N, C-alpha and C. Protein backbone atom coordinates (compact mmCIF):
# COMPACT_ATOMS: atom_id res chain seq x y z
N MET A 1 -12.78 17.54 10.62
CA MET A 1 -11.77 16.50 10.66
C MET A 1 -11.16 16.40 12.06
N ALA A 2 -11.04 17.55 12.75
CA ALA A 2 -10.45 17.53 14.09
C ALA A 2 -11.28 16.66 15.03
N ASP A 3 -12.62 16.70 14.87
CA ASP A 3 -13.48 15.86 15.70
C ASP A 3 -13.22 14.39 15.45
N ILE A 4 -13.06 14.04 14.18
CA ILE A 4 -12.82 12.64 13.81
C ILE A 4 -11.47 12.19 14.36
N LEU A 5 -10.45 13.05 14.23
CA LEU A 5 -9.12 12.67 14.75
C LEU A 5 -9.15 12.54 16.27
N GLY A 6 -9.90 13.39 16.94
CA GLY A 6 -10.04 13.26 18.40
C GLY A 6 -10.72 11.96 18.77
N PHE A 7 -11.76 11.62 18.01
CA PHE A 7 -12.46 10.35 18.23
C PHE A 7 -11.52 9.18 17.96
N PHE A 8 -10.77 9.26 16.86
CA PHE A 8 -9.84 8.19 16.50
C PHE A 8 -8.77 8.04 17.58
N LYS A 9 -8.34 9.15 18.16
CA LYS A 9 -7.33 9.08 19.21
C LYS A 9 -7.85 8.35 20.44
N LYS A 10 -9.17 8.45 20.68
CA LYS A 10 -9.75 7.76 21.83
C LYS A 10 -9.84 6.26 21.59
N ILE A 11 -10.20 5.84 20.37
CA ILE A 11 -10.34 4.40 20.14
C ILE A 11 -9.03 3.74 19.74
N GLY A 12 -8.11 4.52 19.16
CA GLY A 12 -6.84 3.94 18.72
C GLY A 12 -5.70 4.92 18.88
N PRO A 13 -5.25 5.16 20.11
CA PRO A 13 -4.23 6.19 20.33
C PRO A 13 -2.91 5.91 19.60
N TRP A 14 -2.52 4.66 19.53
CA TRP A 14 -1.26 4.33 18.87
C TRP A 14 -1.36 4.53 17.37
N LEU A 15 -2.42 4.01 16.76
CA LEU A 15 -2.60 4.19 15.32
C LEU A 15 -2.82 5.66 14.97
N SER A 16 -3.51 6.37 15.82
CA SER A 16 -3.73 7.80 15.60
C SER A 16 -2.41 8.57 15.63
N ALA A 17 -1.56 8.25 16.59
CA ALA A 17 -0.25 8.91 16.67
C ALA A 17 0.60 8.57 15.45
N ALA A 18 0.52 7.33 15.00
CA ALA A 18 1.28 6.93 13.81
C ALA A 18 0.76 7.65 12.58
N ALA A 19 -0.57 7.80 12.48
CA ALA A 19 -1.17 8.44 11.31
C ALA A 19 -0.84 9.92 11.24
N ALA A 20 -0.77 10.57 12.37
CA ALA A 20 -0.55 12.01 12.40
C ALA A 20 0.91 12.39 12.58
N GLY A 21 1.81 11.41 12.58
CA GLY A 21 3.18 11.67 12.95
C GLY A 21 4.14 12.15 11.90
N ASN A 22 3.75 12.24 10.65
CA ASN A 22 4.63 12.68 9.56
C ASN A 22 5.85 11.79 9.37
N VAL A 23 5.81 10.59 9.86
CA VAL A 23 6.86 9.60 9.58
C VAL A 23 6.25 8.67 8.53
N PRO A 24 6.72 8.78 7.28
CA PRO A 24 6.05 8.06 6.19
C PRO A 24 5.81 6.58 6.44
N ALA A 25 6.77 5.89 7.01
CA ALA A 25 6.60 4.45 7.24
C ALA A 25 5.47 4.19 8.23
N LEU A 26 5.36 5.00 9.28
CA LEU A 26 4.31 4.81 10.27
C LEU A 26 2.95 5.23 9.73
N VAL A 27 2.90 6.32 8.96
CA VAL A 27 1.63 6.75 8.36
C VAL A 27 1.15 5.67 7.39
N SER A 28 2.06 5.13 6.60
CA SER A 28 1.70 4.07 5.66
C SER A 28 1.22 2.83 6.40
N LEU A 29 1.87 2.48 7.48
CA LEU A 29 1.45 1.32 8.28
C LEU A 29 0.05 1.53 8.86
N ALA A 30 -0.22 2.73 9.36
CA ALA A 30 -1.55 3.03 9.90
C ALA A 30 -2.59 2.97 8.79
N ALA A 31 -2.28 3.54 7.63
CA ALA A 31 -3.22 3.53 6.50
C ALA A 31 -3.50 2.10 6.04
N THR A 32 -2.46 1.28 5.96
CA THR A 32 -2.64 -0.11 5.55
C THR A 32 -3.48 -0.88 6.56
N THR A 33 -3.24 -0.65 7.83
CA THR A 33 -4.00 -1.33 8.88
C THR A 33 -5.47 -0.92 8.82
N ILE A 34 -5.74 0.37 8.73
CA ILE A 34 -7.11 0.86 8.67
C ILE A 34 -7.78 0.38 7.38
N GLY A 35 -7.04 0.42 6.28
CA GLY A 35 -7.58 -0.05 5.00
C GLY A 35 -7.96 -1.52 5.05
N GLY A 36 -7.15 -2.33 5.71
CA GLY A 36 -7.47 -3.75 5.85
C GLY A 36 -8.74 -3.96 6.66
N ILE A 37 -8.96 -3.09 7.63
CA ILE A 37 -10.14 -3.24 8.48
C ILE A 37 -11.41 -2.79 7.75
N VAL A 38 -11.33 -1.65 7.05
CA VAL A 38 -12.54 -1.14 6.37
C VAL A 38 -12.76 -1.80 5.02
N GLY A 39 -11.79 -2.55 4.54
CA GLY A 39 -11.97 -3.32 3.31
C GLY A 39 -11.78 -2.54 2.03
N LYS A 40 -11.06 -1.42 2.11
CA LYS A 40 -10.75 -0.66 0.90
C LYS A 40 -9.41 0.03 1.10
N PRO A 41 -8.72 0.34 0.00
CA PRO A 41 -7.43 1.00 0.15
C PRO A 41 -7.58 2.39 0.76
N VAL A 42 -6.68 2.73 1.64
CA VAL A 42 -6.66 4.04 2.29
C VAL A 42 -5.31 4.67 1.98
N ALA A 43 -5.34 5.89 1.44
CA ALA A 43 -4.09 6.59 1.13
C ALA A 43 -3.34 6.91 2.41
N ALA A 44 -2.02 6.98 2.29
CA ALA A 44 -1.17 7.21 3.46
C ALA A 44 -1.09 8.70 3.78
N ASN A 45 -2.23 9.28 4.19
CA ASN A 45 -2.25 10.65 4.68
C ASN A 45 -3.36 10.77 5.72
N VAL A 46 -3.26 11.78 6.55
CA VAL A 46 -4.16 11.93 7.69
C VAL A 46 -5.61 12.08 7.23
N ASP A 47 -5.85 12.84 6.16
CA ASP A 47 -7.22 13.06 5.71
C ASP A 47 -7.89 11.77 5.27
N SER A 48 -7.18 10.95 4.51
CA SER A 48 -7.76 9.69 4.04
C SER A 48 -8.01 8.73 5.20
N ILE A 49 -7.10 8.71 6.14
CA ILE A 49 -7.27 7.84 7.31
C ILE A 49 -8.47 8.32 8.14
N ALA A 50 -8.59 9.64 8.33
CA ALA A 50 -9.72 10.18 9.08
C ALA A 50 -11.03 9.88 8.37
N GLU A 51 -11.04 9.97 7.05
CA GLU A 51 -12.25 9.66 6.28
C GLU A 51 -12.63 8.19 6.43
N ALA A 52 -11.64 7.31 6.41
CA ALA A 52 -11.92 5.89 6.57
C ALA A 52 -12.47 5.59 7.97
N VAL A 53 -11.92 6.25 8.98
CA VAL A 53 -12.40 6.05 10.35
C VAL A 53 -13.82 6.59 10.49
N ALA A 54 -14.09 7.74 9.85
CA ALA A 54 -15.43 8.34 9.94
C ALA A 54 -16.49 7.44 9.33
N GLY A 55 -16.14 6.68 8.30
CA GLY A 55 -17.11 5.82 7.64
C GLY A 55 -17.14 4.40 8.17
N ALA A 56 -16.43 4.14 9.25
CA ALA A 56 -16.35 2.77 9.78
C ALA A 56 -17.62 2.38 10.52
N THR A 57 -17.93 1.10 10.42
CA THR A 57 -19.08 0.54 11.14
C THR A 57 -18.65 0.25 12.59
N PRO A 58 -19.60 0.01 13.49
CA PRO A 58 -19.23 -0.33 14.87
C PRO A 58 -18.31 -1.56 14.95
N GLU A 59 -18.56 -2.56 14.09
CA GLU A 59 -17.70 -3.75 14.09
C GLU A 59 -16.28 -3.39 13.65
N GLN A 60 -16.20 -2.51 12.66
CA GLN A 60 -14.87 -2.09 12.19
C GLN A 60 -14.16 -1.26 13.26
N LEU A 61 -14.90 -0.45 14.00
CA LEU A 61 -14.28 0.33 15.09
C LEU A 61 -13.74 -0.60 16.17
N ASN A 62 -14.48 -1.67 16.47
CA ASN A 62 -13.97 -2.65 17.43
C ASN A 62 -12.71 -3.32 16.90
N ALA A 63 -12.69 -3.61 15.60
CA ALA A 63 -11.49 -4.20 14.99
C ALA A 63 -10.32 -3.22 15.05
N MET A 64 -10.62 -1.91 14.93
CA MET A 64 -9.56 -0.90 15.04
C MET A 64 -8.98 -0.86 16.44
N LYS A 65 -9.85 -1.01 17.45
CA LYS A 65 -9.36 -1.06 18.83
C LYS A 65 -8.40 -2.23 19.02
N GLN A 66 -8.78 -3.38 18.49
CA GLN A 66 -7.92 -4.56 18.60
C GLN A 66 -6.62 -4.36 17.82
N ALA A 67 -6.72 -3.79 16.63
CA ALA A 67 -5.52 -3.53 15.82
C ALA A 67 -4.61 -2.53 16.53
N ASP A 68 -5.21 -1.56 17.22
CA ASP A 68 -4.42 -0.59 17.96
C ASP A 68 -3.66 -1.27 19.09
N GLN A 69 -4.31 -2.21 19.76
CA GLN A 69 -3.63 -2.94 20.83
C GLN A 69 -2.49 -3.79 20.28
N ASP A 70 -2.69 -4.42 19.13
CA ASP A 70 -1.63 -5.20 18.49
C ASP A 70 -0.48 -4.28 18.06
N PHE A 71 -0.85 -3.12 17.52
CA PHE A 71 0.16 -2.14 17.08
C PHE A 71 0.96 -1.64 18.28
N ALA A 72 0.29 -1.44 19.41
CA ALA A 72 0.97 -0.99 20.63
C ALA A 72 2.01 -2.00 21.07
N VAL A 73 1.67 -3.28 21.00
CA VAL A 73 2.62 -4.33 21.38
C VAL A 73 3.84 -4.29 20.47
N LYS A 74 3.59 -4.15 19.15
CA LYS A 74 4.71 -4.07 18.19
C LYS A 74 5.60 -2.88 18.48
N MET A 75 5.00 -1.72 18.72
CA MET A 75 5.78 -0.51 18.97
C MET A 75 6.56 -0.60 20.27
N LYS A 76 5.97 -1.23 21.27
CA LYS A 76 6.68 -1.38 22.55
C LYS A 76 7.88 -2.31 22.40
N THR A 77 7.75 -3.33 21.55
CA THR A 77 8.91 -4.20 21.32
C THR A 77 10.00 -3.47 20.56
N LEU A 78 9.62 -2.42 19.82
CA LEU A 78 10.61 -1.61 19.10
C LEU A 78 11.22 -0.53 19.99
N GLY A 79 10.73 -0.40 21.23
CA GLY A 79 11.33 0.53 22.17
C GLY A 79 10.54 1.80 22.44
N PHE A 80 9.33 1.91 21.92
CA PHE A 80 8.50 3.08 22.19
C PHE A 80 7.66 2.79 23.43
N GLU A 81 7.79 3.65 24.45
CA GLU A 81 7.08 3.41 25.70
C GLU A 81 5.59 3.70 25.59
N ASP A 82 5.24 4.78 24.88
CA ASP A 82 3.84 5.14 24.74
C ASP A 82 3.63 5.88 23.42
N GLU A 83 2.36 6.22 23.13
CA GLU A 83 2.06 6.86 21.85
C GLU A 83 2.66 8.27 21.76
N GLN A 84 2.92 8.91 22.90
CA GLN A 84 3.55 10.22 22.88
C GLN A 84 4.97 10.14 22.29
N ALA A 85 5.61 8.99 22.43
CA ALA A 85 6.94 8.81 21.84
C ALA A 85 6.87 8.90 20.31
N LEU A 86 5.78 8.37 19.74
CA LEU A 86 5.60 8.49 18.28
C LEU A 86 5.34 9.93 17.89
N GLU A 87 4.53 10.64 18.69
CA GLU A 87 4.26 12.04 18.41
C GLU A 87 5.52 12.89 18.55
N LYS A 88 6.40 12.50 19.47
CA LYS A 88 7.65 13.24 19.67
C LYS A 88 8.56 13.12 18.45
N ILE A 89 8.51 11.99 17.77
CA ILE A 89 9.31 11.82 16.55
C ILE A 89 8.92 12.87 15.52
N ALA A 90 7.64 13.06 15.33
CA ALA A 90 7.16 14.05 14.36
C ALA A 90 7.55 15.46 14.78
N ALA A 91 7.40 15.77 16.07
CA ALA A 91 7.76 17.10 16.55
C ALA A 91 9.26 17.34 16.39
N ASP A 92 10.07 16.34 16.69
CA ASP A 92 11.52 16.48 16.53
C ASP A 92 11.90 16.64 15.06
N ASP A 93 11.18 15.95 14.19
CA ASP A 93 11.44 16.07 12.75
C ASP A 93 11.17 17.49 12.27
N ARG A 94 10.04 18.05 12.69
CA ARG A 94 9.72 19.42 12.29
C ARG A 94 10.74 20.39 12.87
N ALA A 95 11.14 20.17 14.12
CA ALA A 95 12.12 21.06 14.75
C ALA A 95 13.46 20.99 14.04
N SER A 96 13.88 19.81 13.63
CA SER A 96 15.17 19.70 12.94
C SER A 96 15.11 20.35 11.56
N ALA A 97 13.95 20.27 10.89
CA ALA A 97 13.80 20.96 9.60
C ALA A 97 13.89 22.46 9.78
N LEU A 98 13.26 22.97 10.83
CA LEU A 98 13.32 24.40 11.11
C LEU A 98 14.74 24.82 11.45
N ASP A 99 15.42 24.05 12.29
CA ASP A 99 16.80 24.37 12.66
C ASP A 99 17.72 24.35 11.45
N ARG A 100 17.49 23.42 10.54
CA ARG A 100 18.31 23.35 9.33
C ARG A 100 18.13 24.61 8.50
N GLU A 101 16.90 25.01 8.32
CA GLU A 101 16.64 26.21 7.52
C GLU A 101 17.23 27.45 8.17
N LYS A 102 17.18 27.53 9.49
CA LYS A 102 17.74 28.69 10.18
C LYS A 102 19.25 28.75 10.06
N SER A 103 19.90 27.61 10.16
CA SER A 103 21.36 27.60 10.18
C SER A 103 21.99 27.63 8.79
N VAL A 104 21.43 26.92 7.85
CA VAL A 104 22.06 26.79 6.53
C VAL A 104 21.72 27.95 5.62
N ARG A 105 20.46 28.26 5.50
CA ARG A 105 19.99 29.34 4.64
C ARG A 105 20.53 29.25 3.21
N ASP A 106 20.48 28.06 2.64
CA ASP A 106 20.85 27.92 1.23
C ASP A 106 19.58 27.73 0.40
N TYR A 107 19.73 27.83 -0.90
CA TYR A 107 18.58 27.78 -1.78
C TYR A 107 18.41 26.44 -2.48
N THR A 108 19.27 25.48 -2.20
CA THR A 108 19.20 24.19 -2.88
C THR A 108 17.85 23.49 -2.71
N PRO A 109 17.30 23.39 -1.50
CA PRO A 109 15.99 22.74 -1.37
C PRO A 109 14.89 23.48 -2.14
N GLU A 110 14.93 24.82 -2.13
CA GLU A 110 13.92 25.58 -2.85
C GLU A 110 14.05 25.39 -4.36
N ILE A 111 15.27 25.35 -4.85
CA ILE A 111 15.47 25.11 -6.28
C ILE A 111 14.94 23.73 -6.64
N GLY A 112 15.22 22.74 -5.79
CA GLY A 112 14.69 21.40 -6.02
C GLY A 112 13.17 21.38 -6.01
N PHE A 113 12.57 22.14 -5.09
CA PHE A 113 11.10 22.20 -5.03
C PHE A 113 10.54 22.81 -6.31
N TYR A 114 11.13 23.89 -6.77
CA TYR A 114 10.62 24.53 -7.98
C TYR A 114 10.84 23.65 -9.21
N LEU A 115 11.93 22.91 -9.24
CA LEU A 115 12.13 21.96 -10.34
C LEU A 115 11.06 20.85 -10.30
N LEU A 116 10.76 20.36 -9.10
CA LEU A 116 9.68 19.36 -8.96
C LEU A 116 8.34 19.94 -9.42
N LEU A 117 8.07 21.16 -9.02
CA LEU A 117 6.82 21.81 -9.39
C LEU A 117 6.73 22.00 -10.91
N PHE A 118 7.83 22.43 -11.52
CA PHE A 118 7.86 22.60 -12.97
C PHE A 118 7.66 21.26 -13.67
N THR A 119 8.34 20.21 -13.18
CA THR A 119 8.20 18.88 -13.77
C THR A 119 6.77 18.38 -13.64
N PHE A 120 6.16 18.60 -12.49
CA PHE A 120 4.77 18.20 -12.28
C PHE A 120 3.85 18.91 -13.27
N GLY A 121 4.04 20.23 -13.42
CA GLY A 121 3.22 21.00 -14.35
C GLY A 121 3.42 20.54 -15.79
N PHE A 122 4.67 20.29 -16.16
CA PHE A 122 4.96 19.81 -17.52
C PHE A 122 4.32 18.45 -17.75
N PHE A 123 4.43 17.57 -16.78
CA PHE A 123 3.86 16.22 -16.91
C PHE A 123 2.34 16.28 -17.00
N LEU A 124 1.73 17.17 -16.20
CA LEU A 124 0.28 17.34 -16.24
C LEU A 124 -0.15 17.85 -17.62
N HIS A 125 0.58 18.84 -18.13
CA HIS A 125 0.30 19.36 -19.47
C HIS A 125 0.44 18.25 -20.52
N TRP A 126 1.47 17.46 -20.40
CA TRP A 126 1.72 16.37 -21.35
C TRP A 126 0.59 15.35 -21.32
N LEU A 127 0.09 15.04 -20.11
CA LEU A 127 -1.01 14.08 -19.98
C LEU A 127 -2.29 14.57 -20.66
N PHE A 128 -2.53 15.87 -20.59
CA PHE A 128 -3.73 16.41 -21.24
C PHE A 128 -3.57 16.54 -22.75
N LYS A 129 -2.35 16.76 -23.20
CA LYS A 129 -2.12 17.01 -24.62
C LYS A 129 -1.99 15.73 -25.45
N TYR A 130 -1.35 14.70 -24.89
CA TYR A 130 -1.09 13.47 -25.64
C TYR A 130 -1.81 12.29 -24.99
N PRO A 131 -2.36 11.41 -25.81
CA PRO A 131 -3.02 10.23 -25.22
C PRO A 131 -1.97 9.25 -24.66
N VAL A 132 -2.34 8.62 -23.57
CA VAL A 132 -1.44 7.64 -22.94
C VAL A 132 -1.77 6.27 -23.53
N PRO A 133 -0.78 5.57 -24.05
CA PRO A 133 -1.04 4.23 -24.58
C PRO A 133 -1.63 3.32 -23.49
N ALA A 134 -2.57 2.51 -23.87
CA ALA A 134 -3.27 1.66 -22.90
C ALA A 134 -2.32 0.73 -22.15
N ASP A 135 -1.27 0.25 -22.82
CA ASP A 135 -0.32 -0.65 -22.17
C ASP A 135 0.49 0.05 -21.09
N ASN A 136 0.63 1.36 -21.19
CA ASN A 136 1.50 2.10 -20.26
C ASN A 136 0.72 2.91 -19.23
N LYS A 137 -0.60 2.86 -19.24
CA LYS A 137 -1.39 3.70 -18.34
C LYS A 137 -1.04 3.49 -16.87
N ALA A 138 -0.93 2.27 -16.44
CA ALA A 138 -0.66 2.00 -15.02
C ALA A 138 0.69 2.59 -14.61
N ILE A 139 1.69 2.43 -15.44
CA ILE A 139 3.03 2.95 -15.12
C ILE A 139 3.03 4.47 -15.11
N ILE A 140 2.42 5.08 -16.12
CA ILE A 140 2.39 6.54 -16.23
C ILE A 140 1.61 7.14 -15.05
N TYR A 141 0.45 6.58 -14.76
CA TYR A 141 -0.36 7.12 -13.66
C TYR A 141 0.32 6.91 -12.31
N SER A 142 1.00 5.81 -12.15
CA SER A 142 1.73 5.57 -10.91
C SER A 142 2.88 6.57 -10.75
N ALA A 143 3.60 6.80 -11.83
CA ALA A 143 4.70 7.78 -11.79
C ALA A 143 4.16 9.17 -11.50
N PHE A 144 3.03 9.51 -12.12
CA PHE A 144 2.43 10.82 -11.90
C PHE A 144 1.96 10.96 -10.44
N GLY A 145 1.41 9.92 -9.88
CA GLY A 145 0.99 9.95 -8.48
C GLY A 145 2.17 10.11 -7.54
N SER A 146 3.27 9.42 -7.84
CA SER A 146 4.48 9.55 -7.02
C SER A 146 5.05 10.95 -7.11
N LEU A 147 5.07 11.50 -8.30
CA LEU A 147 5.56 12.86 -8.49
C LEU A 147 4.67 13.85 -7.74
N GLY A 148 3.36 13.65 -7.80
CA GLY A 148 2.44 14.51 -7.06
C GLY A 148 2.68 14.44 -5.56
N THR A 149 2.95 13.25 -5.06
CA THR A 149 3.24 13.08 -3.64
C THR A 149 4.52 13.82 -3.25
N LEU A 150 5.54 13.76 -4.09
CA LEU A 150 6.78 14.48 -3.83
C LEU A 150 6.54 15.99 -3.79
N VAL A 151 5.74 16.49 -4.71
CA VAL A 151 5.44 17.93 -4.74
C VAL A 151 4.69 18.33 -3.46
N ILE A 152 3.73 17.53 -3.04
CA ILE A 152 2.97 17.83 -1.83
C ILE A 152 3.88 17.82 -0.60
N MET A 153 4.77 16.83 -0.52
CA MET A 153 5.69 16.76 0.61
C MET A 153 6.63 17.96 0.64
N ALA A 154 7.14 18.35 -0.53
CA ALA A 154 8.04 19.50 -0.59
C ALA A 154 7.30 20.79 -0.25
N ALA A 155 6.08 20.94 -0.74
CA ALA A 155 5.29 22.12 -0.43
C ALA A 155 4.98 22.19 1.06
N THR A 156 4.68 21.05 1.66
CA THR A 156 4.43 21.02 3.10
C THR A 156 5.66 21.41 3.88
N TYR A 157 6.81 20.96 3.42
CA TYR A 157 8.06 21.31 4.09
C TYR A 157 8.29 22.82 4.06
N PHE A 158 8.12 23.42 2.89
CA PHE A 158 8.41 24.84 2.76
C PHE A 158 7.31 25.75 3.27
N TYR A 159 6.07 25.40 3.02
CA TYR A 159 4.99 26.32 3.34
C TYR A 159 4.10 25.84 4.46
N GLY A 160 4.34 24.64 4.94
CA GLY A 160 3.50 24.11 6.01
C GLY A 160 4.14 24.28 7.37
N THR A 161 5.30 23.70 7.56
CA THR A 161 5.89 23.71 8.90
C THR A 161 7.03 24.70 9.02
N THR A 162 8.00 24.61 8.16
CA THR A 162 9.21 25.40 8.31
C THR A 162 8.95 26.89 8.15
N ARG A 163 8.31 27.27 7.08
CA ARG A 163 8.08 28.70 6.84
C ARG A 163 7.14 29.29 7.89
N GLY A 164 6.09 28.57 8.21
CA GLY A 164 5.15 29.07 9.21
C GLY A 164 5.81 29.20 10.57
N SER A 165 6.62 28.23 10.93
CA SER A 165 7.32 28.28 12.21
C SER A 165 8.34 29.42 12.23
N GLU A 166 9.01 29.61 11.11
CA GLU A 166 10.00 30.67 11.02
C GLU A 166 9.33 32.04 11.16
N LYS A 167 8.20 32.24 10.48
CA LYS A 167 7.47 33.51 10.59
C LYS A 167 6.98 33.73 12.01
N LYS A 168 6.46 32.66 12.63
CA LYS A 168 5.97 32.78 14.00
C LYS A 168 7.11 33.17 14.93
N THR A 169 8.26 32.55 14.76
CA THR A 169 9.41 32.87 15.60
C THR A 169 9.84 34.31 15.41
N ASP A 170 9.86 34.80 14.17
CA ASP A 170 10.23 36.19 13.91
C ASP A 170 9.24 37.15 14.56
N ILE A 171 7.95 36.86 14.44
CA ILE A 171 6.93 37.73 15.04
C ILE A 171 7.06 37.75 16.55
N LEU A 172 7.27 36.58 17.15
CA LEU A 172 7.41 36.51 18.61
C LEU A 172 8.65 37.26 19.08
N SER A 173 9.75 37.13 18.34
CA SER A 173 10.97 37.84 18.76
C SER A 173 10.80 39.34 18.61
N GLN A 174 10.07 39.80 17.57
CA GLN A 174 9.81 41.22 17.40
C GLN A 174 8.94 41.75 18.54
N ASN A 175 7.91 40.97 18.89
CA ASN A 175 7.03 41.38 19.98
C ASN A 175 7.75 41.43 21.31
N SER A 176 8.62 40.46 21.57
CA SER A 176 9.34 40.46 22.85
C SER A 176 10.35 41.58 22.92
N SER A 177 10.99 41.93 21.79
CA SER A 177 11.96 43.03 21.82
C SER A 177 11.23 44.37 21.95
N THR A 178 10.03 44.49 21.37
CA THR A 178 9.22 45.71 21.52
C THR A 178 8.77 45.84 22.95
N ALA A 179 8.35 44.76 23.57
CA ALA A 179 7.90 44.78 24.97
C ALA A 179 9.06 45.11 25.90
N ALA A 180 10.26 44.68 25.58
CA ALA A 180 11.43 44.94 26.43
C ALA A 180 11.80 46.41 26.39
N LYS A 181 11.57 47.09 25.26
CA LYS A 181 11.92 48.50 25.13
C LYS A 181 10.97 49.37 25.93
N LYS A 182 9.75 48.90 26.15
CA LYS A 182 8.75 49.74 26.86
C LYS A 182 8.98 49.74 28.30
């Protein structure tokens, strides 16, 4: 996937930055743009966008270049000087999440995550145990998909960026204090 994202960054740096930026509105915009070009829906996540780019035809890749140029114009009118400004938003977002966890150290977000996880598990169990009425399938499956997305986002927050960054910071501080003693 890293090769595909590197390739995508070369043909569409603005859309690539939006797709990888962890800003839901920008990721969704990139997914919608790419989906319109390849002619099929693309989920608003980096893996789905990378998969769509990997399967694109040469004509679709040219259309992506043009869409990237149009997207660049839109972003510049919104005040972003270059694609690094979009990437900086994601980095600042992760940094603020880490700073929040370091300073607050409360359990409310974790309790919310575990409640979401329990609800997701209960809902999944319910879907397997009871048949879904045909009239309600679209609503039930949509709600289940939204709940799954919330669980993934919460898990990424706790175990993807914040926890990993916190552990890395602790290890680095331990190593630097050990080196200072020697």
